[in-house]
PDB file of N, CA and C in Angstrom:
ATOM      1  N   MET A   1      -1.303   2.112 -20.543  1.00  0.00           N
ATOM      2  CA  MET A   1      -1.960   0.265 -20.277  1.00  0.00           C
ATOM      3  C   MET A   1      -0.602  -0.421 -19.021  1.00  0.00           C
ATOM      4  N   LEU A   2       0.840  -0.477 -19.420  1.00  0.00           N
ATOM      5  CA  LEU A   2       1.542  -0.486 -18.886  1.00  0.00           C
ATOM      6  C   LEU A   2       1.446   0.256 -17.375  1.00  0.00           C
ATOM      7  N   GLN A   3       1.050   1.405 -16.912  1.00  0.00           N
ATOM      8  CA  GLN A   3       0.864   2.123 -16.205  1.00  0.00           C
ATOM      9  C   GLN A   3      -0.313   1.856 -15.096  1.00  0.00           C
ATOM     10  N   ARG A   4      -1.001   1.466 -16.152  1.00  0.00           N
ATOM     11  CA  ARG A   4      -2.167   1.355 -15.329  1.00  0.00           C
ATOM     12  C   ARG A   4      -1.821  -0.247 -14.666  1.00  0.00           C
ATOM     13  N   LEU A   5      -1.225  -0.879 -14.970  1.00  0.00           N
ATOM     14  CA  LEU A   5      -1.504  -2.652 -14.249  1.00  0.00           C
ATOM     15  C   LEU A   5      -0.500  -2.111 -13.433  1.00  0.00           C
ATOM     16  N   SER A   6       0.666  -1.020 -13.297  1.00  0.00           N
ATOM     17  CA  SER A   6       1.641  -0.962 -12.791  1.00  0.00           C
ATOM     18  C   SER A   6       0.708  -0.773 -11.289  1.00  0.00           C
ATOM     19  N   ASP A   7       0.021   0.353 -11.177  1.00  0.00           N
ATOM     20  CA  ASP A   7      -0.546   1.156 -10.135  1.00  0.00           C
ATOM     21  C   ASP A   7      -1.972  -0.377  -9.746  1.00  0.00           C
ATOM     22  N   ARG A   8      -2.173  -1.132 -10.438  1.00  0.00           N
ATOM     23  CA  ARG A   8      -3.342  -1.742  -9.761  1.00  0.00           C
ATOM     24  C   ARG A   8      -2.519  -3.073  -8.843  1.00  0.00           C
ATOM     25  N   CYS A   9      -1.343  -3.286  -9.766  1.00  0.00           N
ATOM     26  CA  CYS A   9      -0.375  -4.017  -8.836  1.00  0.00           C
ATOM     27  C   CYS A   9       0.347  -3.395  -7.173  1.00  0.00           C
ATOM     28  N   ARG A  10       0.655  -2.619  -7.234  1.00  0.00           N
ATOM     29  CA  ARG A  10       1.057  -1.391  -6.276  1.00  0.00           C
ATOM     30  C   ARG A  10      -0.780  -1.426  -5.468  1.00  0.00           C
ATOM     31  N   ASN A  11      -1.761  -1.193  -5.811  1.00  0.00           N
ATOM     32  CA  ASN A  11      -2.511  -1.363  -4.667  1.00  0.00           C
ATOM     33  C   ASN A  11      -2.910  -2.278  -4.173  1.00  0.00           C
ATOM     34  N   TYR A  12      -3.129  -3.984  -5.280  1.00  0.00           N
ATOM     35  CA  TYR A  12      -3.010  -4.539  -4.871  1.00  0.00           C
ATOM     36  C   TYR A  12      -1.856  -5.437  -3.265  1.00  0.00           C
ATOM     37  N   LYS A  13      -1.230  -4.690  -3.778  1.00  0.00           N
ATOM     38  CA  LYS A  13       0.364  -5.030  -2.316  1.00  0.00           C
ATOM     39  C   LYS A  13      -0.300  -4.326  -1.470  1.00  0.00           C
ATOM     40  N   ALA A  14      -0.711  -2.928  -1.432  1.00  0.00           N
ATOM     41  CA  ALA A  14      -0.968  -2.656  -0.460  1.00  0.00           C
ATOM     42  C   ALA A  14      -2.612  -3.081   0.115  1.00  0.00           C
ATOM     43  N   SER A  15      -3.323  -3.269  -0.241  1.00  0.00           N
ATOM     44  CA  SER A  15      -4.473  -3.941   0.607  1.00  0.00           C
ATOM     45  C   SER A  15      -4.198  -5.145   0.814  1.00  0.00           C
ATOM     46  N   LEU A  16      -2.992  -6.040   0.225  1.00  0.00           N
ATOM     47  CA  LEU A  16      -2.617  -7.256   1.069  1.00  0.00           C
ATOM     48  C   LEU A  16      -2.119  -6.955   2.281  1.00  0.00           C
ATOM     49  N   LYS A  17      -1.149  -5.937   2.778  1.00  0.00           N
ATOM     50  CA  LYS A  17      -0.977  -5.433   3.585  1.00  0.00           C
ATOM     51  C   LYS A  17      -1.545  -4.948   4.642  1.00  0.00           C
ATOM     52  N   ALA A  18      -2.668  -3.884   3.969  1.00  0.00           N
ATOM     53  CA  ALA A  18      -3.779  -3.711   4.978  1.00  0.00           C
ATOM     54  C   ALA A  18      -5.041  -4.398   5.865  1.00  0.00           C
ATOM     55  N   LYS A  19      -4.714  -5.677   5.178  1.00  0.00           N
ATOM     56  CA  LYS A  19      -5.116  -7.004   5.298  1.00  0.00           C
ATOM     57  C   LYS A  19      -4.648  -7.877   6.352  1.00  0.00           C
ATOM     58  N   TYR A  20      -3.535  -8.288   6.232  1.00  0.00           N
ATOM     59  CA  TYR A  20      -2.473  -9.298   6.295  1.00  0.00           C
ATOM     60  C   TYR A  20      -1.753  -9.255   7.409  1.00  0.00           C
ATOM     61  N   TYR A  21      -0.811  -8.024   6.777  1.00  0.00           N
ATOM     62  CA  TYR A  21       0.024  -8.006   7.383  1.00  0.00           C
ATOM     63  C   TYR A  21       0.166  -7.091   8.797  1.00  0.00           C
ATOM     64  N   THR A  22       1.079  -8.160   9.684  1.00  0.00           N
ATOM     65  CA  THR A  22       0.843  -7.556  11.462  1.00  0.00           C
ATOM     66  C   THR A  22       2.013  -7.332  11.791  1.00  0.00           C
ATOM     67  N   PRO A  23       3.108  -6.161  11.789  1.00  0.00           N
ATOM     68  CA  PRO A  23       4.306  -5.662  11.776  1.00  0.00           C
ATOM     69  C   PRO A  23       4.731  -6.712  13.885  1.00  0.00           C
ATOM     70  N   TYR A  24       3.800  -6.162  14.661  1.00  0.00           N
ATOM     71  CA  TYR A  24       3.962  -6.817  16.173  1.00  0.00           C
ATOM     72  C   TYR A  24       4.031  -8.369  16.502  1.00  0.00           C
ATOM     73  N   VAL A  25       3.871  -8.776  15.686  1.00  0.00           N
ATOM     74  CA  VAL A  25       3.444  -9.888  16.406  1.00  0.00           C
ATOM     75  C   VAL A  25       4.925 -10.885  15.516  1.00  0.00           C
ATOM     76  N   GLY A  26       4.781 -12.158  16.161  1.00  0.00           N
ATOM     77  CA  GLY A  26       6.408 -13.330  15.973  1.00  0.00           C
ATOM     78  C   GLY A  26       6.454 -13.849  14.446  1.00  0.00           C
ATOM     79  N   LEU A  27       7.627 -13.185  13.897  1.00  0.00           N
ATOM     80  CA  LEU A  27       8.402 -13.718  12.112  1.00  0.00           C
ATOM     81  C   LEU A  27       7.161 -14.870  11.900  1.00  0.00           C
ATOM     82  N   PRO A  28       7.103 -15.604  12.400  1.00  0.00           N
ATOM     83  CA  PRO A  28       6.249 -17.205  11.751  1.00  0.00           C
ATOM     84  C   PRO A  28       5.128 -16.702  11.528  1.00  0.00           C
ATOM     85  N   GLU A  29       4.242 -15.944  12.441  1.00  0.00           N
ATOM     86  CA  GLU A  29       2.641 -15.474  11.862  1.00  0.00           C
ATOM     87  C   GLU A  29       2.847 -14.252  11.079  1.00  0.00           C
ATOM     88  N   ARG A  30       3.832 -13.675  10.957  1.00  0.00           N
ATOM     89  CA  ARG A  30       3.705 -12.460   9.551  1.00  0.00           C
ATOM     90  C   ARG A  30       4.461 -13.059   8.256  1.00  0.00           C
ATOM     91  N   PHE A  31       4.573 -14.596   8.715  1.00  0.00           N
ATOM     92  CA  PHE A  31       4.783 -15.022   7.379  1.00  0.00           C
ATOM     93  C   PHE A  31       3.772 -15.733   6.397  1.00  0.00           C
ATOM     94  N   LEU A  32       2.262 -15.831   7.190  1.00  0.00           N
ATOM     95  CA  LEU A  32       0.992 -16.453   7.063  1.00  0.00           C
ATOM     96  C   LEU A  32       0.263 -15.618   6.435  1.00  0.00           C
ATOM     97  N   CYS A  33       0.096 -15.307   5.412  1.00  0.00           N
ATOM     98  CA  CYS A  33      -1.177 -14.666   4.899  1.00  0.00           C
ATOM     99  C   CYS A  33      -2.275 -15.439   4.487  1.00  0.00           C
ATOM    100  N   GLY A  34      -3.457 -14.519   5.372  1.00  0.00           N
ATOM    101  CA  GLY A  34      -4.815 -15.446   4.693  1.00  0.00           C
ATOM    102  C   GLY A  34      -5.258 -15.069   3.253  1.00  0.00           C
ATOM    103  N   ASP A  35      -4.574 -14.969   2.184  1.00  0.00           N
ATOM    104  CA  ASP A  35      -5.100 -14.948   1.093  1.00  0.00           C
ATOM    105  C   ASP A  35      -4.781 -16.361  -0.133  1.00  0.00           C
ATOM    106  N   ASP A  36      -5.564 -17.160   0.450  1.00  0.00           N
ATOM    107  CA  ASP A  36      -4.914 -18.241  -1.054  1.00  0.00           C
ATOM    108  C   ASP A  36      -4.060 -18.095  -1.964  1.00  0.00           C
ATOM    109  N   ARG A  37      -4.650 -16.833  -2.892  1.00  0.00           N
ATOM    110  CA  ARG A  37      -3.931 -16.023  -4.374  1.00  0.00           C
ATOM    111  C   ARG A  37      -2.685 -16.195  -4.212  1.00  0.00           C
ATOM    112  N   VAL A  38      -2.513 -15.859  -2.829  1.00  0.00           N
ATOM    113  CA  VAL A  38      -1.063 -15.243  -2.876  1.00  0.00           C
ATOM    114  C   VAL A  38       0.282 -16.158  -2.888  1.00  0.00           C
ATOM    115  N   ASP A  39       1.077 -16.428  -3.373  1.00  0.00           N
ATOM    116  CA  ASP A  39       2.471 -17.514  -3.382  1.00  0.00           C
ATOM    117  C   ASP A  39       3.317 -17.188  -2.044  1.00  0.00           C
ATOM    118  N   ARG A  40       3.624 -18.111  -1.490  1.00  0.00           N
ATOM    119  CA  ARG A  40       4.157 -18.331  -0.185  1.00  0.00           C
ATOM    120  C   ARG A  40       5.107 -17.392  -0.440  1.00  0.00           C
ATOM    121  N   ASP A  41       6.480 -17.608  -1.646  1.00  0.00           N
ATOM    122  CA  ASP A  41       7.418 -16.881  -1.577  1.00  0.00           C
ATOM    123  C   ASP A  41       7.290 -15.663  -2.098  1.00  0.00           C
ATOM    124  N   GLN A  42       6.341 -14.944  -2.931  1.00  0.00           N
ATOM    125  CA  GLN A  42       5.931 -14.149  -2.399  1.00  0.00           C
ATOM    126  C   GLN A  42       5.614 -12.923  -1.753  1.00  0.00           C
ATOM    127  N   TRP A  43       4.893 -13.180  -0.674  1.00  0.00           N
ATOM    128  CA  TRP A  43       4.640 -12.757   0.496  1.00  0.00           C
ATOM    129  C   TRP A  43       5.850 -12.817   1.556  1.00  0.00           C
ATOM    130  N   ARG A  44       6.323 -14.132   1.225  1.00  0.00           N
ATOM    131  CA  ARG A  44       7.370 -13.701   2.410  1.00  0.00           C
ATOM    132  C   ARG A  44       8.640 -12.443   1.845  1.00  0.00           C
ATOM    133  N   ALA A  45       8.506 -12.615   0.646  1.00  0.00           N
ATOM    134  CA  ALA A  45       9.673 -11.704   0.256  1.00  0.00           C
ATOM    135  C   ALA A  45       9.078  -9.910   0.848  1.00  0.00           C
ATOM    136  N   MET A  46       7.838  -9.719   0.513  1.00  0.00           N
ATOM    137  CA  MET A  46       7.098  -8.891   0.848  1.00  0.00           C
ATOM    138  C   MET A  46       7.272  -8.444   2.393  1.00  0.00           C
ATOM    139  N   VAL A  47       6.895  -9.566   2.718  1.00  0.00           N
ATOM    140  CA  VAL A  47       7.104  -9.044   4.368  1.00  0.00           C
ATOM    141  C   VAL A  47       8.500  -9.125   4.817  1.00  0.00           C
ATOM    142  N   ASN A  48       9.385  -9.084   4.364  1.00  0.00           N
ATOM    143  CA  ASN A  48      10.944  -8.862   4.373  1.00  0.00           C
ATOM    144  C   ASN A  48      11.289  -7.532   4.197  1.00  0.00           C
ATOM    145  N   TYR A  49      10.790  -7.012   3.062  1.00  0.00           N
ATOM    146  CA  TYR A  49      11.122  -6.266   2.612  1.00  0.00           C
ATOM    147  C   TYR A  49      10.198  -4.753   3.080  1.00  0.00           C
ATOM    148  N   TRP A  50       9.233  -5.038   4.220  1.00  0.00           N
ATOM    149  CA  TRP A  50       8.153  -4.369   4.829  1.00  0.00           C
ATOM    150  C   TRP A  50       9.014  -4.131   6.037  1.00  0.00           C
ATOM    151  N   ASP A  51       9.752  -5.117   6.038  1.00  0.00           N
ATOM    152  CA  ASP A  51      10.210  -5.152   7.825  1.00  0.00           C
ATOM    153  C   ASP A  51      11.824  -4.830   7.686  1.00  0.00           C
ATOM    154  N   THR A  52      12.412  -5.214   6.768  1.00  0.00           N
ATOM    155  CA  THR A  52      13.896  -4.499   6.887  1.00  0.00           C
ATOM    156  C   THR A  52      14.339  -3.551   6.104  1.00  0.00           C
ATOM    157  N   ASP A  53      13.586  -2.934   5.029  1.00  0.00           N
ATOM    158  CA  ASP A  53      14.375  -1.606   4.304  1.00  0.00           C
ATOM    159  C   ASP A  53      14.194  -0.651   5.360  1.00  0.00           C
ATOM    160  N   PRO A  54      15.004   0.279   5.692  1.00  0.00           N
ATOM    161  CA  PRO A  54      15.297   1.511   6.552  1.00  0.00           C
ATOM    162  C   PRO A  54      14.545   2.351   5.508  1.00  0.00           C
ATOM    163  N   LYS A  55      14.841   2.588   4.594  1.00  0.00           N
ATOM    164  CA  LYS A  55      14.283   3.896   3.364  1.00  0.00           C
ATOM    165  C   LYS A  55      13.045   3.781   3.738  1.00  0.00           C
ATOM    166  N   ASN A  56      12.063   2.222   3.459  1.00  0.00           N
ATOM    167  CA  ASN A  56      10.450   2.222   4.189  1.00  0.00           C
ATOM    168  C   ASN A  56      10.124   2.240   4.872  1.00  0.00           C
ATOM    169  N   LYS A  57      10.939   1.922   6.135  1.00  0.00           N
ATOM    170  CA  LYS A  57      10.245   2.251   7.434  1.00  0.00           C
ATOM    171  C   LYS A  57      10.027   4.058   7.809  1.00  0.00           C
ATOM    172  N   VAL A  58      11.139   4.685   6.866  1.00  0.00           N
ATOM    173  CA  VAL A  58      11.200   6.015   6.910  1.00  0.00           C
ATOM    174  C   VAL A  58       9.996   6.872   6.382  1.00  0.00           C
ATOM    175  N   ARG A  59       9.729   6.341   4.909  1.00  0.00           N
ATOM    176  CA  ARG A  59       8.612   6.725   4.261  1.00  0.00           C
ATOM    177  C   ARG A  59       7.703   6.252   4.785  1.00  0.00           C
ATOM    178  N   CYS A  60       7.185   5.084   5.837  1.00  0.00           N
ATOM    179  CA  CYS A  60       5.823   4.778   6.038  1.00  0.00           C
ATOM    180  C   CYS A  60       5.906   5.999   7.554  1.00  0.00           C
ATOM    181  N   GLU A  61       6.527   5.698   8.441  1.00  0.00           N
ATOM    182  CA  GLU A  61       6.236   6.965   8.716  1.00  0.00           C
ATOM    183  C   GLU A  61       6.274   8.404   9.131  1.00  0.00           C
ATOM    184  N   LYS A  62       6.434   9.027   7.477  1.00  0.00           N
ATOM    185  CA  LYS A  62       6.381   9.980   6.766  1.00  0.00           C
ATOM    186  C   LYS A  62       5.008  10.150   6.741  1.00  0.00           C
ATOM    187  N   ASN A  63       4.784   9.267   5.910  1.00  0.00           N
ATOM    188  CA  ASN A  63       3.212   9.233   5.305  1.00  0.00           C
ATOM    189  C   ASN A  63       2.493   9.202   6.496  1.00  0.00           C
ATOM    190  N   ILE A  64       2.570   8.586   7.915  1.00  0.00           N
ATOM    191  CA  ILE A  64       1.402   8.591   8.564  1.00  0.00           C
ATOM    192  C   ILE A  64       1.459   9.845   9.319  1.00  0.00           C
ATOM    193  N   GLU A  65       2.685  10.302   9.526  1.00  0.00           N
ATOM    194  CA  GLU A  65       2.459  11.719   9.833  1.00  0.00           C
ATOM    195  C   GLU A  65       1.449  12.678   8.879  1.00  0.00           C
ATOM    196  N   SER A  66       1.758  12.716   8.046  1.00  0.00           N
ATOM    197  CA  SER A  66       1.111  13.832   6.838  1.00  0.00           C
ATOM    198  C   SER A  66      -0.198  13.480   6.766  1.00  0.00           C
ATOM    199  N   ARG A  67      -0.194  11.852   6.744  1.00  0.00           N
ATOM    200  CA  ARG A  67      -2.158  11.745   7.487  1.00  0.00           C
ATOM    201  C   ARG A  67      -2.860  12.021   8.252  1.00  0.00           C
ATOM    202  N   LYS A  68      -1.760  12.006   9.319  1.00  0.00           N
ATOM    203  CA  LYS A  68      -2.418  12.572  10.340  1.00  0.00           C
ATOM    204  C   LYS A  68      -2.865  14.139  10.526  1.00  0.00           C
ATOM    205  N   ARG A  69      -2.227  14.681   9.966  1.00  0.00           N
ATOM    206  CA  ARG A  69      -2.453  15.962   9.394  1.00  0.00           C
ATOM    207  C   ARG A  69      -3.226  16.527   8.261  1.00  0.00           C
ATOM    208  N   GLN A  70      -3.439  15.564   7.640  1.00  0.00           N
ATOM    209  CA  GLN A  70      -4.515  16.313   6.366  1.00  0.00           C
ATOM    210  C   GLN A  70      -5.860  16.869   7.021  1.00  0.00           C
ATOM    211  N   LYS A  71      -6.487  17.885   6.410  1.00  0.00           N
ATOM    212  CA  LYS A  71      -7.758  18.305   7.519  1.00  0.00           C
ATOM    213  C   LYS A  71      -8.627  17.913   6.226  1.00  0.00           C
ATOM    214  N   MET A  72      -9.045  17.741   4.842  1.00  0.00           N
ATOM    215  CA  MET A  72      -9.732  17.373   4.067  1.00  0.00           C
ATOM    216  C   MET A  72      -9.421  16.100   3.302  1.00  0.00           C
ATOM    217  N   ASN A  73     -10.730  15.426   3.151  1.00  0.00           N
ATOM    218  CA  ASN A  73     -10.408  14.360   2.179  1.00  0.00           C
ATOM    219  C   ASN A  73     -10.370  14.585   0.857  1.00  0.00           C
ATOM    220  N   HIS A  74      -9.657  14.051  -0.356  1.00  0.00           N
ATOM    221  CA  HIS A  74      -9.808  14.367  -1.540  1.00  0.00           C
ATOM    222  C   HIS A  74     -11.089  13.764  -2.155  1.00  0.00           C
ATOM    223  N   THR A  75     -12.007  14.353  -2.716  1.00  0.00           N
ATOM    224  CA  THR A  75     -13.437  14.145  -2.928  1.00  0.00           C
ATOM    225  C   THR A  75     -13.660  14.099  -4.465  1.00  0.00           C
ATOM    226  N   SER A  76     -12.405  14.090  -5.396  1.00  0.00           N
ATOM    227  CA  SER A  76     -13.449  14.409  -6.904  1.00  0.00           C
ATOM    228  C   SER A  76     -13.107  13.285  -7.636  1.00  0.00           C
ATOM    229  N   GLY A  77     -13.021  12.119  -6.836  1.00  0.00           N
ATOM    230  CA  GLY A  77     -12.962  10.835  -7.919  1.00  0.00           C
ATOM    231  C   GLY A  77     -11.910  10.929  -8.410  1.00  0.00           C
ATOM    232  N   THR A  78     -11.629   9.627  -9.657  1.00  0.00           N
ATOM    233  CA  THR A  78     -10.815   9.560 -10.640  1.00  0.00           C
ATOM    234  C   THR A  78     -10.635  10.649 -11.429  1.00  0.00           C
ATOM    235  N   LYS A  79     -11.703  11.268 -11.536  1.00  0.00           N
ATOM    236  CA  LYS A  79     -11.337  12.233 -12.787  1.00  0.00           C
ATOM    237  C   LYS A  79     -10.099  13.128 -12.402  1.00  0.00           C
ATOM    238  N   SER A  80      -9.460  13.795 -12.980  1.00  0.00           N
ATOM    239  CA  SER A  80      -8.476  14.265 -12.536  1.00  0.00           C
ATOM    240  C   SER A  80      -8.705  15.625 -12.562  1.00  0.00           C
ATOM    241  N   PHE A  81      -7.908  17.024 -11.762  1.00  0.00           N
ATOM    242  CA  PHE A  81      -8.245  18.511 -12.225  1.00  0.00           C
ATOM    243  C   PHE A  81      -8.253  19.502 -12.923  1.00  0.00           C
ATOM    244  N   ALA A  82      -7.526  18.221 -14.049  1.00  0.00           N
ATOM    245  CA  ALA A  82      -7.868  19.173 -15.474  1.00  0.00           C
ATOM    246  C   ALA A  82      -8.915  18.731 -16.542  1.00  0.00           C
ATOM    247  N   ARG A  83      -9.690  17.627 -16.262  1.00  0.00           N
ATOM    248  CA  ARG A  83     -10.467  17.654 -16.604  1.00  0.00           C
ATOM    249  C   ARG A  83     -11.614  18.016 -16.132  1.00  0.00           C
ATOM    250  N   HIS A  84     -11.698  18.068 -14.941  1.00  0.00           N
ATOM    251  CA  HIS A  84     -13.031  18.828 -14.182  1.00  0.00           C
ATOM    252  C   HIS A  84     -13.020  20.093 -14.750  1.00  0.00           C
ATOM    253  N   MET A  85     -11.732  21.349 -14.922  1.00  0.00           N
ATOM    254  CA  MET A  85     -11.645  22.513 -15.207  1.00  0.00           C
ATOM    255  C   MET A  85     -11.944  22.440 -16.869  1.00  0.00           C
ATOM    256  N   ALA A  86     -11.901  21.409 -17.448  1.00  0.00           N
ATOM    257  CA  ALA A  86     -12.410  21.299 -18.659  1.00  0.00           C
ATOM    258  C   ALA A  86     -13.652  21.445 -18.734  1.00  0.00           C
ATOM    259  N   ASP A  87     -14.683  20.291 -18.170  1.00  0.00           N
ATOM    260  CA  ASP A  87     -15.583  20.210 -17.964  1.00  0.00           C
ATOM    261  C   ASP A  87     -16.400  21.677 -17.686  1.00  0.00           C
ATOM    262  N   TYR A  88     -16.256  22.509 -16.899  1.00  0.00           N
ATOM    263  CA  TYR A  88     -16.706  24.117 -16.264  1.00  0.00           C
ATOM    264  C   TYR A  88     -16.494  24.799 -18.114  1.00  0.00           C
TER     265      TYR A  88
END
C-alpha cells in the first residue's frame, strides 16, 4: 500500500514537471505553477531541487540519452512479465 502511494506521488510530481516546469525561463516564471492544487512553497522546493541538485542533472541527462537509444516501447501494460508467463 505504501509503495503504491509512493509511486503515485512520484508520478504526480513527474507530470507536474512535464506540464509546468520550464527550465530556460527566468526564475520568477519558473516559480509559478499553473495547477492551483499545488502549494506554492512545495512548488518552489521542487523547482529548487530540479535546478540545483547536480546529481539530479546528471541523472536527467543520462535518462534522456537512454530514452533516445530505445528502439522498442514497453507494450505489456501494467501486468508484470512473471504474470504474463504464468498466464501461458
